[in-house]
Amino acid sequence: MLGDIRSGGLQKPMKMIPASDSSVLVVFGEAITPEMHGRVLNLFHALRSRRDRRIRNLHPGYVSLLVDFDPLALTHERIFALIEEASEAEPGANPGRIKLVDVPVHYGEEHGPDLADVAAHAQLAVEEVVRLHCSATYDVSFLGFTAGFAYLSGMPETLSMPRLATPRRSVVAGSVGIAGGQTGIYPTETPGGWRLIGRTPLRMFDSRRSAPTLVLPGDQVRFTSISRAEFERLWQECA
């Protein structure tokens, strides 16, 4: 069972593929582009804004959206119809909880052990790497890897750098890293292979909060450079 429907006039059809007895994978294409991801987020927000309790969770990716639903309340045929209906919403008609989050970062030193390597790879001064990293407004493409880890797109191409050949066994919470053309923030202590360039005092994920994750797909992030003293002050305030 597989559904093909057209969304947005002459755009390529999206495919709806049953992924399990309680989920459907909606695929928009193969190429990772801002336009393609925009279609994913439009459907994500359109479905999310309905607050339909029969839809248990939504998991956006770069070119797809996994829709997890209650199989006792919905059939695949019914969820197909709901997805098709939601896909017809005008782009931006269901913005949901889109917000811009400013993230302070202390770059370099023990908080950014790979900053010098990134600068050497880009053939730039360390200060220029920091300036470029702070110059962009990043889109939260999706959450994955671990709870609250936001994959951020929109980083200047000059800063693109491969992951470490051997991942670190432990990366402290708040570490800001680069992997390929993406940047991201480790929300909790975990192993990781991204190039670490700094650390934020913000708690990106806290299970004690009513909204544990600081950002959601479709939100935007900006980085600002702060001193070590400012980092220590904010770290205590955010504890």
C-alpha atoms as a PDB file:
ATOM      1  CA  MET A   1       0.000   0.000   0.000  1.00  0.00           C
ATOM      2  CA  LEU A   2       1.534   3.275  -1.118  1.00  0.00           C
ATOM      3  CA  GLY A   3       0.054   6.644  -1.909  1.00  0.00           C
ATOM      4  CA  ASP A   4       1.209   9.283  -4.387  1.00  0.00           C
ATOM      5  CA  ILE A   5      -0.319  12.743  -4.127  1.00  0.00           C
ATOM      6  CA  ARG A   6       0.613  16.073  -5.603  1.00  0.00           C
ATOM      7  CA  SER A   7       1.289  19.003  -3.328  1.00  0.00           C
ATOM      8  CA  GLY A   8       1.746  22.598  -4.406  1.00  0.00           C
ATOM      9  CA  GLY A   9       0.689  22.645  -8.079  1.00  0.00           C
ATOM     10  CA  LEU A  10       3.520  21.532 -10.357  1.00  0.00           C
ATOM     11  CA  GLN A  11       5.735  20.207  -7.570  1.00  0.00           C
ATOM     12  CA  LYS A  12       6.721  16.565  -7.702  1.00  0.00           C
ATOM     13  CA  PRO A  13       4.283  14.227  -5.937  1.00  0.00           C
ATOM     14  CA  MET A  14       5.019  13.143  -2.414  1.00  0.00           C
ATOM     15  CA  LYS A  15       4.902   9.455  -1.551  1.00  0.00           C
ATOM     16  CA  MET A  16       3.170   8.020   1.511  1.00  0.00           C
ATOM     17  CA  ILE A  17       4.680   4.698   2.520  1.00  0.00           C
ATOM     18  CA  PRO A  18       3.425   2.578   5.442  1.00  0.00           C
ATOM     19  CA  ALA A  19       6.447   2.199   7.726  1.00  0.00           C
ATOM     20  CA  SER A  20       4.720   0.018  10.346  1.00  0.00           C
ATOM     21  CA  ASP A  21       1.212  -0.754  11.601  1.00  0.00           C
ATOM     22  CA  SER A  22       1.248   2.631  13.337  1.00  0.00           C
ATOM     23  CA  SER A  23       3.342   4.916  11.123  1.00  0.00           C
ATOM     24  CA  VAL A  24       3.590   6.388   7.645  1.00  0.00           C
ATOM     25  CA  LEU A  25       6.703   7.791   5.995  1.00  0.00           C
ATOM     26  CA  VAL A  26       5.939  10.773   3.755  1.00  0.00           C
ATOM     27  CA  VAL A  27       8.759  11.241   1.217  1.00  0.00           C
ATOM     28  CA  PHE A  28       9.051  14.408  -0.867  1.00  0.00           C
ATOM     29  CA  GLY A  29      12.136  13.517  -2.901  1.00  0.00           C
ATOM     30  CA  GLU A  30      15.811  12.612  -2.708  1.00  0.00           C
ATOM     31  CA  ALA A  31      17.704  15.896  -3.127  1.00  0.00           C
ATOM     32  CA  ILE A  32      18.390  17.846   0.081  1.00  0.00           C
ATOM     33  CA  THR A  33      17.426  21.424  -0.791  1.00  0.00           C
ATOM     34  CA  PRO A  34      15.865  24.342   1.134  1.00  0.00           C
ATOM     35  CA  GLU A  35      12.749  24.052  -1.064  1.00  0.00           C
ATOM     36  CA  MET A  36      12.390  20.342  -0.324  1.00  0.00           C
ATOM     37  CA  HIS A  37      12.882  20.798   3.404  1.00  0.00           C
ATOM     38  CA  GLY A  38      10.409  23.675   3.331  1.00  0.00           C
ATOM     39  CA  ARG A  39       7.754  21.254   2.080  1.00  0.00           C
ATOM     40  CA  VAL A  40       8.582  18.870   4.930  1.00  0.00           C
ATOM     41  CA  LEU A  41       8.202  21.644   7.518  1.00  0.00           C
ATOM     42  CA  ASN A  42       4.981  22.935   5.955  1.00  0.00           C
ATOM     43  CA  LEU A  43       3.385  19.509   6.393  1.00  0.00           C
ATOM     44  CA  PHE A  44       4.911  19.120   9.865  1.00  0.00           C
ATOM     45  CA  HIS A  45       3.364  22.396  11.041  1.00  0.00           C
ATOM     46  CA  ALA A  46       0.050  21.759   9.268  1.00  0.00           C
ATOM     47  CA  LEU A  47      -0.374  18.416  11.031  1.00  0.00           C
ATOM     48  CA  ARG A  48       0.983  19.669  14.352  1.00  0.00           C
ATOM     49  CA  SER A  49      -1.378  22.651  14.444  1.00  0.00           C
ATOM     50  CA  ARG A  50      -4.394  20.318  14.288  1.00  0.00           C
ATOM     51  CA  ARG A  51      -3.582  18.911  17.733  1.00  0.00           C
ATOM     52  CA  ASP A  52      -5.127  15.599  16.697  1.00  0.00           C
ATOM     53  CA  ARG A  53      -4.525  13.220  19.608  1.00  0.00           C
ATOM     54  CA  ARG A  54      -4.698  10.275  17.244  1.00  0.00           C
ATOM     55  CA  ILE A  55      -1.389  11.476  15.780  1.00  0.00           C
ATOM     56  CA  ARG A  56       1.118  10.546  18.476  1.00  0.00           C
ATOM     57  CA  ASN A  57       4.317  12.025  17.076  1.00  0.00           C
ATOM     58  CA  LEU A  58       5.872  13.708  14.038  1.00  0.00           C
ATOM     59  CA  HIS A  59       9.506  13.166  13.044  1.00  0.00           C
ATOM     60  CA  PRO A  60      10.727  15.485  10.255  1.00  0.00           C
ATOM     61  CA  GLY A  61      13.895  14.799   8.283  1.00  0.00           C
ATOM     62  CA  TYR A  62      15.573  16.657   5.415  1.00  0.00           C
ATOM     63  CA  VAL A  63      13.265  15.205   2.715  1.00  0.00           C
ATOM     64  CA  SER A  64      10.699  13.173   4.664  1.00  0.00           C
ATOM     65  CA  LEU A  65       8.262  13.196   7.572  1.00  0.00           C
ATOM     66  CA  LEU A  66       7.486  10.149   9.706  1.00  0.00           C
ATOM     67  CA  VAL A  67       3.927  10.279  11.051  1.00  0.00           C
ATOM     68  CA  ASP A  68       3.321   8.051  14.082  1.00  0.00           C
ATOM     69  CA  PHE A  69      -0.374   7.438  14.826  1.00  0.00           C
ATOM     70  CA  ASP A  70      -2.647   5.411  17.100  1.00  0.00           C
ATOM     71  CA  PRO A  71      -3.548   2.250  15.132  1.00  0.00           C
ATOM     72  CA  LEU A  72      -6.600   1.689  17.350  1.00  0.00           C
ATOM     73  CA  ALA A  73      -8.012   5.045  16.268  1.00  0.00           C
ATOM     74  CA  LEU A  74      -6.810   5.398  12.664  1.00  0.00           C
ATOM     75  CA  THR A  75      -6.252   3.139   9.677  1.00  0.00           C
ATOM     76  CA  HIS A  76      -3.550   3.730   7.078  1.00  0.00           C
ATOM     77  CA  GLU A  77      -6.254   4.814   4.625  1.00  0.00           C
ATOM     78  CA  ARG A  78      -7.558   7.419   7.081  1.00  0.00           C
ATOM     79  CA  ILE A  79      -4.111   8.804   7.943  1.00  0.00           C
ATOM     80  CA  PHE A  80      -3.372   9.018   4.202  1.00  0.00           C
ATOM     81  CA  ALA A  81      -6.485  11.189   3.836  1.00  0.00           C
ATOM     82  CA  LEU A  82      -5.504  13.400   6.798  1.00  0.00           C
ATOM     83  CA  ILE A  83      -2.009  13.893   5.385  1.00  0.00           C
ATOM     84  CA  GLU A  84      -3.374  14.767   1.969  1.00  0.00           C
ATOM     85  CA  GLU A  85      -5.767  17.281   3.503  1.00  0.00           C
ATOM     86  CA  ALA A  86      -2.981  18.868   5.578  1.00  0.00           C
ATOM     87  CA  SER A  87      -0.655  19.032   2.546  1.00  0.00           C
ATOM     88  CA  GLU A  88      -3.111  21.331   0.804  1.00  0.00           C
ATOM     89  CA  ALA A  89      -2.657  24.068   3.424  1.00  0.00           C
ATOM     90  CA  GLU A  90      -1.011  27.206   2.103  1.00  0.00           C
ATOM     91  CA  PRO A  91       2.749  27.402   2.861  1.00  0.00           C
ATOM     92  CA  GLY A  92       3.235  29.298   6.117  1.00  0.00           C
ATOM     93  CA  ALA A  93      -0.465  29.008   7.011  1.00  0.00           C
ATOM     94  CA  ASN A  94       0.350  26.873  10.060  1.00  0.00           C
ATOM     95  CA  PRO A  95       3.526  28.347  11.549  1.00  0.00           C
ATOM     96  CA  GLY A  96       3.120  26.591  14.902  1.00  0.00           C
ATOM     97  CA  ARG A  97       5.735  27.516  17.467  1.00  0.00           C
ATOM     98  CA  ILE A  98       8.366  29.055  15.179  1.00  0.00           C
ATOM     99  CA  LYS A  99      10.807  31.251  17.090  1.00  0.00           C
ATOM    100  CA  LEU A 100      14.306  32.717  16.871  1.00  0.00           C
ATOM    101  CA  VAL A 101      16.676  31.599  19.620  1.00  0.00           C
ATOM    102  CA  ASP A 102      19.906  33.469  20.378  1.00  0.00           C
ATOM    103  CA  VAL A 103      22.585  31.057  21.588  1.00  0.00           C
ATOM    104  CA  PRO A 104      25.649  32.525  23.377  1.00  0.00           C
ATOM    105  CA  VAL A 105      28.855  30.570  22.773  1.00  0.00           C
ATOM    106  CA  HIS A 106      32.336  30.692  24.246  1.00  0.00           C
ATOM    107  CA  TYR A 107      34.533  29.720  21.288  1.00  0.00           C
ATOM    108  CA  GLY A 108      37.885  27.952  21.491  1.00  0.00           C
ATOM    109  CA  GLU A 109      40.124  26.960  24.409  1.00  0.00           C
ATOM    110  CA  GLU A 110      38.894  23.826  26.215  1.00  0.00           C
ATOM    111  CA  HIS A 111      35.357  24.513  24.997  1.00  0.00           C
ATOM    112  CA  GLY A 112      36.384  24.370  21.329  1.00  0.00           C
ATOM    113  CA  PRO A 113      39.325  21.983  20.937  1.00  0.00           C
ATOM    114  CA  ASP A 114      38.824  21.672  17.165  1.00  0.00           C
ATOM    115  CA  LEU A 115      38.476  25.382  16.394  1.00  0.00           C
ATOM    116  CA  ALA A 116      42.082  25.736  15.223  1.00  0.00           C
ATOM    117  CA  ASP A 117      41.712  22.687  12.954  1.00  0.00           C
ATOM    118  CA  VAL A 118      38.562  24.128  11.391  1.00  0.00           C
ATOM    119  CA  ALA A 119      40.391  27.412  10.803  1.00  0.00           C
ATOM    120  CA  ALA A 120      43.338  25.609   9.183  1.00  0.00           C
ATOM    121  CA  HIS A 121      41.026  23.517   6.984  1.00  0.00           C
ATOM    122  CA  ALA A 122      39.191  26.660   5.841  1.00  0.00           C
ATOM    123  CA  GLN A 123      42.457  28.604   5.515  1.00  0.00           C
ATOM    124  CA  LEU A 124      41.092  31.320   7.769  1.00  0.00           C
ATOM    125  CA  ALA A 125      42.090  32.983  11.005  1.00  0.00           C
ATOM    126  CA  VAL A 126      40.357  31.622  14.096  1.00  0.00           C
ATOM    127  CA  GLU A 127      38.656  34.985  14.608  1.00  0.00           C
ATOM    128  CA  GLU A 128      37.221  34.817  11.078  1.00  0.00           C
ATOM    129  CA  VAL A 129      35.806  31.335  11.704  1.00  0.00           C
ATOM    130  CA  VAL A 130      34.022  32.661  14.783  1.00  0.00           C
ATOM    131  CA  ARG A 131      32.736  35.681  12.879  1.00  0.00           C
ATOM    132  CA  LEU A 132      31.403  33.538  10.044  1.00  0.00           C
ATOM    133  CA  HIS A 133      29.797  31.037  12.383  1.00  0.00           C
ATOM    134  CA  CYS A 134      28.003  33.896  14.142  1.00  0.00           C
ATOM    135  CA  SER A 135      27.030  35.642  10.894  1.00  0.00           C
ATOM    136  CA  ALA A 136      24.373  33.150   9.779  1.00  0.00           C
ATOM    137  CA  THR A 137      20.787  32.554  10.853  1.00  0.00           C
ATOM    138  CA  TYR A 138      20.330  28.794  11.071  1.00  0.00           C
ATOM    139  CA  ASP A 139      17.199  26.738  10.463  1.00  0.00           C
ATOM    140  CA  VAL A 140      16.402  23.868  12.812  1.00  0.00           C
ATOM    141  CA  SER A 141      15.983  21.149  10.190  1.00  0.00           C
ATOM    142  CA  PHE A 142      15.075  18.329  12.558  1.00  0.00           C
ATOM    143  CA  LEU A 143      15.884  16.740  15.917  1.00  0.00           C
ATOM    144  CA  GLY A 144      17.728  13.434  16.083  1.00  0.00           C
ATOM    145  CA  PHE A 145      20.703  11.382  17.318  1.00  0.00           C
ATOM    146  CA  THR A 146      19.774  12.053  20.954  1.00  0.00           C
ATOM    147  CA  ALA A 147      16.975  13.925  22.734  1.00  0.00           C
ATOM    148  CA  GLY A 148      17.073  17.610  21.833  1.00  0.00           C
ATOM    149  CA  PHE A 149      19.966  17.438  19.327  1.00  0.00           C
ATOM    150  CA  ALA A 150      19.045  19.974  16.637  1.00  0.00           C
ATOM    151  CA  TYR A 151      20.538  19.647  13.159  1.00  0.00           C
ATOM    152  CA  LEU A 152      21.098  23.235  12.011  1.00  0.00           C
ATOM    153  CA  SER A 153      21.326  24.130   8.329  1.00  0.00           C
ATOM    154  CA  GLY A 154      22.525  27.383   6.807  1.00  0.00           C
ATOM    155  CA  MET A 155      26.167  27.362   7.884  1.00  0.00           C
ATOM    156  CA  PRO A 156      28.577  29.209   5.559  1.00  0.00           C
ATOM    157  CA  GLU A 157      30.055  26.647   3.142  1.00  0.00           C
ATOM    158  CA  THR A 158      33.579  27.839   3.937  1.00  0.00           C
ATOM    159  CA  LEU A 159      33.329  26.237   7.376  1.00  0.00           C
ATOM    160  CA  SER A 160      32.300  22.796   6.102  1.00  0.00           C
ATOM    161  CA  MET A 161      34.573  20.063   7.506  1.00  0.00           C
ATOM    162  CA  PRO A 162      34.353  16.254   7.810  1.00  0.00           C
ATOM    163  CA  ARG A 163      33.608  14.548  11.103  1.00  0.00           C
ATOM    164  CA  LEU A 164      36.440  13.201  13.221  1.00  0.00           C
ATOM    165  CA  ALA A 165      37.839   9.887  11.970  1.00  0.00           C
ATOM    166  CA  THR A 166      37.441   8.496  15.499  1.00  0.00           C
ATOM    167  CA  PRO A 167      34.535   9.896  17.578  1.00  0.00           C
ATOM    168  CA  ARG A 168      35.179  11.097  21.103  1.00  0.00           C
ATOM    169  CA  ARG A 169      33.895   8.828  23.837  1.00  0.00           C
ATOM    170  CA  SER A 170      32.388  11.793  25.656  1.00  0.00           C
ATOM    171  CA  VAL A 171      31.307  15.262  24.564  1.00  0.00           C
ATOM    172  CA  VAL A 172      30.036  17.604  27.286  1.00  0.00           C
ATOM    173  CA  ALA A 173      26.555  19.108  27.123  1.00  0.00           C
ATOM    174  CA  GLY A 174      26.386  22.449  25.361  1.00  0.00           C
ATOM    175  CA  SER A 175      29.274  21.729  22.981  1.00  0.00           C
ATOM    176  CA  VAL A 176      28.845  23.337  19.561  1.00  0.00           C
ATOM    177  CA  GLY A 177      30.117  21.262  16.673  1.00  0.00           C
ATOM    178  CA  ILE A 178      30.510  21.119  12.900  1.00  0.00           C
ATOM    179  CA  ALA A 179      30.022  18.048  10.693  1.00  0.00           C
ATOM    180  CA  GLY A 180      30.066  18.456   6.934  1.00  0.00           C
ATOM    181  CA  GLY A 181      27.926  21.458   6.077  1.00  0.00           C
ATOM    182  CA  GLN A 182      25.945  21.361   9.328  1.00  0.00           C
ATOM    183  CA  THR A 183      26.379  22.743  12.799  1.00  0.00           C
ATOM    184  CA  GLY A 184      24.711  21.558  15.986  1.00  0.00           C
ATOM    185  CA  ILE A 185      24.671  21.664  19.774  1.00  0.00           C
ATOM    186  CA  TYR A 186      25.091  18.594  21.975  1.00  0.00           C
ATOM    187  CA  PRO A 187      22.186  18.814  24.456  1.00  0.00           C
ATOM    188  CA  THR A 188      23.520  16.166  26.856  1.00  0.00           C
ATOM    189  CA  GLU A 189      26.841  14.448  27.497  1.00  0.00           C
ATOM    190  CA  THR A 190      27.276  11.772  24.865  1.00  0.00           C
ATOM    191  CA  PRO A 191      29.851  10.257  22.493  1.00  0.00           C
ATOM    192  CA  GLY A 192      30.252  12.273  19.293  1.00  0.00           C
ATOM    193  CA  GLY A 193      32.372  12.828  16.227  1.00  0.00           C
ATOM    194  CA  TRP A 194      31.583  16.435  15.309  1.00  0.00           C
ATOM    195  CA  ARG A 195      34.340  19.067  15.299  1.00  0.00           C
ATOM    196  CA  LEU A 196      33.943  21.039  18.519  1.00  0.00           C
ATOM    197  CA  ILE A 197      34.428  24.802  18.193  1.00  0.00           C
ATOM    198  CA  GLY A 198      32.756  26.167  21.337  1.00  0.00           C
ATOM    199  CA  ARG A 199      30.217  25.641  24.086  1.00  0.00           C
ATOM    200  CA  THR A 200      26.978  27.329  25.135  1.00  0.00           C
ATOM    201  CA  PRO A 201      25.812  27.693  28.751  1.00  0.00           C
ATOM    202  CA  LEU A 202      22.188  27.183  27.656  1.00  0.00           C
ATOM    203  CA  ARG A 203      20.458  23.902  28.527  1.00  0.00           C
ATOM    204  CA  MET A 204      19.221  22.764  25.121  1.00  0.00           C
ATOM    205  CA  PHE A 205      17.350  19.845  26.693  1.00  0.00           C
ATOM    206  CA  ASP A 206      16.006  19.579  30.224  1.00  0.00           C
ATOM    207  CA  SER A 207      13.474  16.876  31.113  1.00  0.00           C
ATOM    208  CA  ARG A 208      12.339  18.957  34.099  1.00  0.00           C
ATOM    209  CA  ARG A 209      10.905  21.691  31.865  1.00  0.00           C
ATOM    210  CA  SER A 210       7.331  21.594  30.564  1.00  0.00           C
ATOM    211  CA  ALA A 211       8.855  21.943  27.087  1.00  0.00           C
ATOM    212  CA  PRO A 212      12.088  19.901  27.463  1.00  0.00           C
ATOM    213  CA  THR A 213      13.573  20.882  24.096  1.00  0.00           C
ATOM    214  CA  LEU A 214      14.644  24.503  23.658  1.00  0.00           C
ATOM    215  CA  VAL A 215      14.091  24.479  19.879  1.00  0.00           C
ATOM    216  CA  LEU A 216      11.822  22.591  17.489  1.00  0.00           C
ATOM    217  CA  PRO A 217      11.974  21.923  13.732  1.00  0.00           C
ATOM    218  CA  GLY A 218      11.248  25.126  11.845  1.00  0.00           C
ATOM    219  CA  ASP A 219      12.697  27.368  14.563  1.00  0.00           C
ATOM    220  CA  GLN A 220      15.782  29.453  13.882  1.00  0.00           C
ATOM    221  CA  VAL A 221      19.054  29.890  15.780  1.00  0.00           C
ATOM    222  CA  ARG A 222      21.692  32.621  15.896  1.00  0.00           C
ATOM    223  CA  PHE A 223      25.041  32.316  17.675  1.00  0.00           C
ATOM    224  CA  THR A 224      26.806  35.117  19.542  1.00  0.00           C
ATOM    225  CA  SER A 225      30.375  35.008  20.853  1.00  0.00           C
ATOM    226  CA  ILE A 226      30.858  35.524  24.609  1.00  0.00           C
ATOM    227  CA  SER A 227      33.853  35.606  26.961  1.00  0.00           C
ATOM    228  CA  ARG A 228      34.826  32.844  29.360  1.00  0.00           C
ATOM    229  CA  ALA A 229      33.651  34.992  32.299  1.00  0.00           C
ATOM    230  CA  GLU A 230      30.268  35.519  30.665  1.00  0.00           C
ATOM    231  CA  PHE A 231      30.006  31.793  29.974  1.00  0.00           C
ATOM    232  CA  GLU A 232      30.662  30.966  33.639  1.00  0.00           C
ATOM    233  CA  ARG A 233      28.086  33.533  34.791  1.00  0.00           C
ATOM    234  CA  LEU A 234      25.386  32.265  32.439  1.00  0.00           C
ATOM    235  CA  TRP A 235      26.217  28.631  33.231  1.00  0.00           C
ATOM    236  CA  GLN A 236      25.442  29.296  36.895  1.00  0.00           C
ATOM    237  CA  GLU A 237      22.247  31.157  36.032  1.00  0.00           C
ATOM    238  CA  CYS A 238      21.026  28.339  33.761  1.00  0.00           C
ATOM    239  CA  ALA A 239      21.765  25.572  36.280  1.00  0.00           C
END
